[in-house]
Amino acid sequence: MSRPTDEQIGEQYDAAMDSAASGSKWPNMSYEQGVASALAWVTGDDDTPPMLDEDDD
């Protein structure tokens, strides 16, 4: 797996900030689960962007 680009990280950051302002898309996910998901993506351990959901296909 490869690490995301700075542009991809910026896009995910913007999506997270938008979601924080308008209400979570994932109310059943804990803060810790969200942090773990983001860190796994940034380090290249998971290819799935943390803010991706089925509506983003």
N, C-alpha and C. Protein backbone atom coordinates (compact mmCIF):
# COMPACT_ATOMS: atom_id res chain seq x y z
N MET A 1 0.84 -1.18 0.00
CA MET A 1 0.00 0.00 0.00
C MET A 1 0.89 1.24 0.00
N SER A 2 0.39 2.27 -0.61
CA SER A 2 1.17 3.50 -0.67
C SER A 2 0.55 4.58 0.21
N ARG A 3 1.37 5.53 0.56
CA ARG A 3 0.90 6.63 1.39
C ARG A 3 0.18 7.65 0.51
N PRO A 4 -0.81 8.35 1.08
CA PRO A 4 -1.54 9.35 0.30
C PRO A 4 -0.66 10.57 0.02
N THR A 5 -1.02 11.28 -1.03
CA THR A 5 -0.31 12.52 -1.37
C THR A 5 -0.77 13.65 -0.44
N ASP A 6 -0.03 14.73 -0.44
CA ASP A 6 -0.42 15.90 0.34
C ASP A 6 -1.79 16.41 -0.10
N GLU A 7 -2.05 16.35 -1.40
CA GLU A 7 -3.35 16.79 -1.92
C GLU A 7 -4.48 15.91 -1.39
N GLN A 8 -4.28 14.61 -1.40
CA GLN A 8 -5.30 13.70 -0.88
C GLN A 8 -5.53 13.94 0.61
N ILE A 9 -4.47 14.17 1.36
CA ILE A 9 -4.61 14.45 2.78
C ILE A 9 -5.40 15.74 2.98
N GLY A 10 -5.09 16.75 2.19
CA GLY A 10 -5.82 18.02 2.28
C GLY A 10 -7.29 17.86 1.98
N GLU A 11 -7.62 17.05 0.99
CA GLU A 11 -9.02 16.80 0.66
C GLU A 11 -9.75 16.12 1.83
N GLN A 12 -9.09 15.17 2.46
CA GLN A 12 -9.70 14.47 3.58
C GLN A 12 -9.85 15.40 4.78
N TYR A 13 -8.87 16.27 4.99
CA TYR A 13 -8.95 17.25 6.06
C TYR A 13 -10.14 18.18 5.84
N ASP A 14 -10.28 18.68 4.61
CA ASP A 14 -11.41 19.57 4.30
C ASP A 14 -12.75 18.86 4.52
N ALA A 15 -12.83 17.59 4.11
CA ALA A 15 -14.07 16.83 4.30
C ALA A 15 -14.37 16.65 5.78
N ALA A 16 -13.34 16.41 6.57
CA ALA A 16 -13.54 16.25 8.01
C ALA A 16 -14.02 17.55 8.64
N MET A 17 -13.44 18.67 8.24
CA MET A 17 -13.85 19.96 8.78
C MET A 17 -15.29 20.29 8.39
N ASP A 18 -15.67 20.00 7.15
CA ASP A 18 -17.05 20.22 6.70
C ASP A 18 -18.02 19.36 7.51
N SER A 19 -17.64 18.11 7.73
CA SER A 19 -18.49 17.19 8.49
C SER A 19 -18.62 17.64 9.94
N ALA A 20 -17.53 18.13 10.51
CA ALA A 20 -17.57 18.60 11.89
C ALA A 20 -18.51 19.79 12.04
N ALA A 21 -18.58 20.62 11.02
CA ALA A 21 -19.44 21.80 11.06
C ALA A 21 -20.91 21.46 10.84
N SER A 22 -21.17 20.38 10.10
CA SER A 22 -22.56 20.07 9.74
C SER A 22 -23.12 18.84 10.44
N GLY A 23 -22.33 18.14 11.21
CA GLY A 23 -22.78 16.93 11.89
C GLY A 23 -22.11 15.71 11.29
N SER A 24 -21.79 14.78 12.15
CA SER A 24 -21.04 13.60 11.73
C SER A 24 -21.82 12.70 10.79
N LYS A 25 -21.10 12.16 9.80
CA LYS A 25 -21.68 11.13 8.92
C LYS A 25 -21.69 9.78 9.61
N TRP A 26 -20.85 9.64 10.65
CA TRP A 26 -20.68 8.36 11.33
C TRP A 26 -20.90 8.51 12.83
N PRO A 27 -22.13 8.70 13.25
CA PRO A 27 -22.38 8.91 14.68
C PRO A 27 -22.08 7.69 15.55
N ASN A 28 -21.99 6.51 14.94
CA ASN A 28 -21.72 5.30 15.72
C ASN A 28 -20.23 4.98 15.82
N MET A 29 -19.38 5.82 15.23
CA MET A 29 -17.94 5.59 15.31
C MET A 29 -17.37 6.45 16.43
N SER A 30 -16.52 5.85 17.23
CA SER A 30 -15.91 6.62 18.32
C SER A 30 -14.81 7.53 17.76
N TYR A 31 -14.44 8.51 18.54
CA TYR A 31 -13.33 9.39 18.19
C TYR A 31 -12.07 8.56 17.94
N GLU A 32 -11.83 7.62 18.84
CA GLU A 32 -10.63 6.79 18.73
C GLU A 32 -10.63 5.96 17.45
N GLN A 33 -11.78 5.45 17.05
CA GLN A 33 -11.86 4.68 15.81
C GLN A 33 -11.57 5.58 14.61
N GLY A 34 -12.06 6.80 14.66
CA GLY A 34 -11.80 7.75 13.58
C GLY A 34 -10.32 8.11 13.48
N VAL A 35 -9.69 8.33 14.61
CA VAL A 35 -8.25 8.63 14.63
C VAL A 35 -7.47 7.44 14.09
N ALA A 36 -7.81 6.25 14.53
CA ALA A 36 -7.11 5.05 14.06
C ALA A 36 -7.27 4.88 12.55
N SER A 37 -8.47 5.13 12.04
CA SER A 37 -8.72 5.03 10.61
C SER A 37 -7.88 6.04 9.83
N ALA A 38 -7.84 7.27 10.32
CA ALA A 38 -7.06 8.31 9.65
C ALA A 38 -5.57 7.99 9.67
N LEU A 39 -5.07 7.54 10.81
CA LEU A 39 -3.64 7.23 10.90
C LEU A 39 -3.26 6.03 10.04
N ALA A 40 -4.13 5.04 9.97
CA ALA A 40 -3.85 3.88 9.11
C ALA A 40 -3.77 4.31 7.65
N TRP A 41 -4.62 5.24 7.24
CA TRP A 41 -4.60 5.72 5.87
C TRP A 41 -3.35 6.55 5.59
N VAL A 42 -3.03 7.47 6.50
CA VAL A 42 -1.87 8.36 6.31
C VAL A 42 -0.57 7.57 6.27
N THR A 43 -0.45 6.52 7.05
CA THR A 43 0.79 5.74 7.07
C THR A 43 0.85 4.70 5.96
N GLY A 44 -0.24 4.55 5.21
CA GLY A 44 -0.25 3.60 4.11
C GLY A 44 -0.67 2.20 4.51
N ASP A 45 -1.13 2.02 5.75
CA ASP A 45 -1.59 0.71 6.19
C ASP A 45 -2.99 0.36 5.69
N ASP A 46 -3.72 1.36 5.20
CA ASP A 46 -5.07 1.15 4.66
C ASP A 46 -5.25 2.10 3.49
N ASP A 47 -5.72 1.60 2.35
CA ASP A 47 -5.90 2.42 1.16
C ASP A 47 -7.21 3.20 1.14
N THR A 48 -8.09 2.93 2.09
CA THR A 48 -9.40 3.58 2.11
C THR A 48 -9.34 4.93 2.81
N PRO A 49 -9.62 6.02 2.09
CA PRO A 49 -9.63 7.33 2.75
C PRO A 49 -10.64 7.35 3.90
N PRO A 50 -10.28 7.94 5.04
CA PRO A 50 -11.13 7.86 6.22
C PRO A 50 -12.48 8.55 6.09
N MET A 51 -12.63 9.51 5.19
CA MET A 51 -13.89 10.22 5.04
C MET A 51 -14.73 9.67 3.90
N LEU A 52 -14.31 8.55 3.30
CA LEU A 52 -15.02 7.95 2.18
C LEU A 52 -16.24 7.18 2.70
N ASP A 53 -17.37 7.35 2.05
CA ASP A 53 -18.53 6.53 2.35
C ASP A 53 -19.16 6.08 1.05
N GLU A 54 -20.20 5.28 1.12
CA GLU A 54 -20.80 4.71 -0.07
C GLU A 54 -21.35 5.75 -1.04
N ASP A 55 -21.64 6.96 -0.58
CA ASP A 55 -22.14 8.03 -1.45
C ASP A 55 -21.03 8.64 -2.30
N ASP A 56 -19.77 8.36 -1.98
CA ASP A 56 -18.64 8.94 -2.70
C ASP A 56 -18.21 8.12 -3.90
N ASP A 57 -18.89 7.04 -4.21
CA ASP A 57 -18.49 6.16 -5.33
C ASP A 57 -18.65 6.84 -6.67
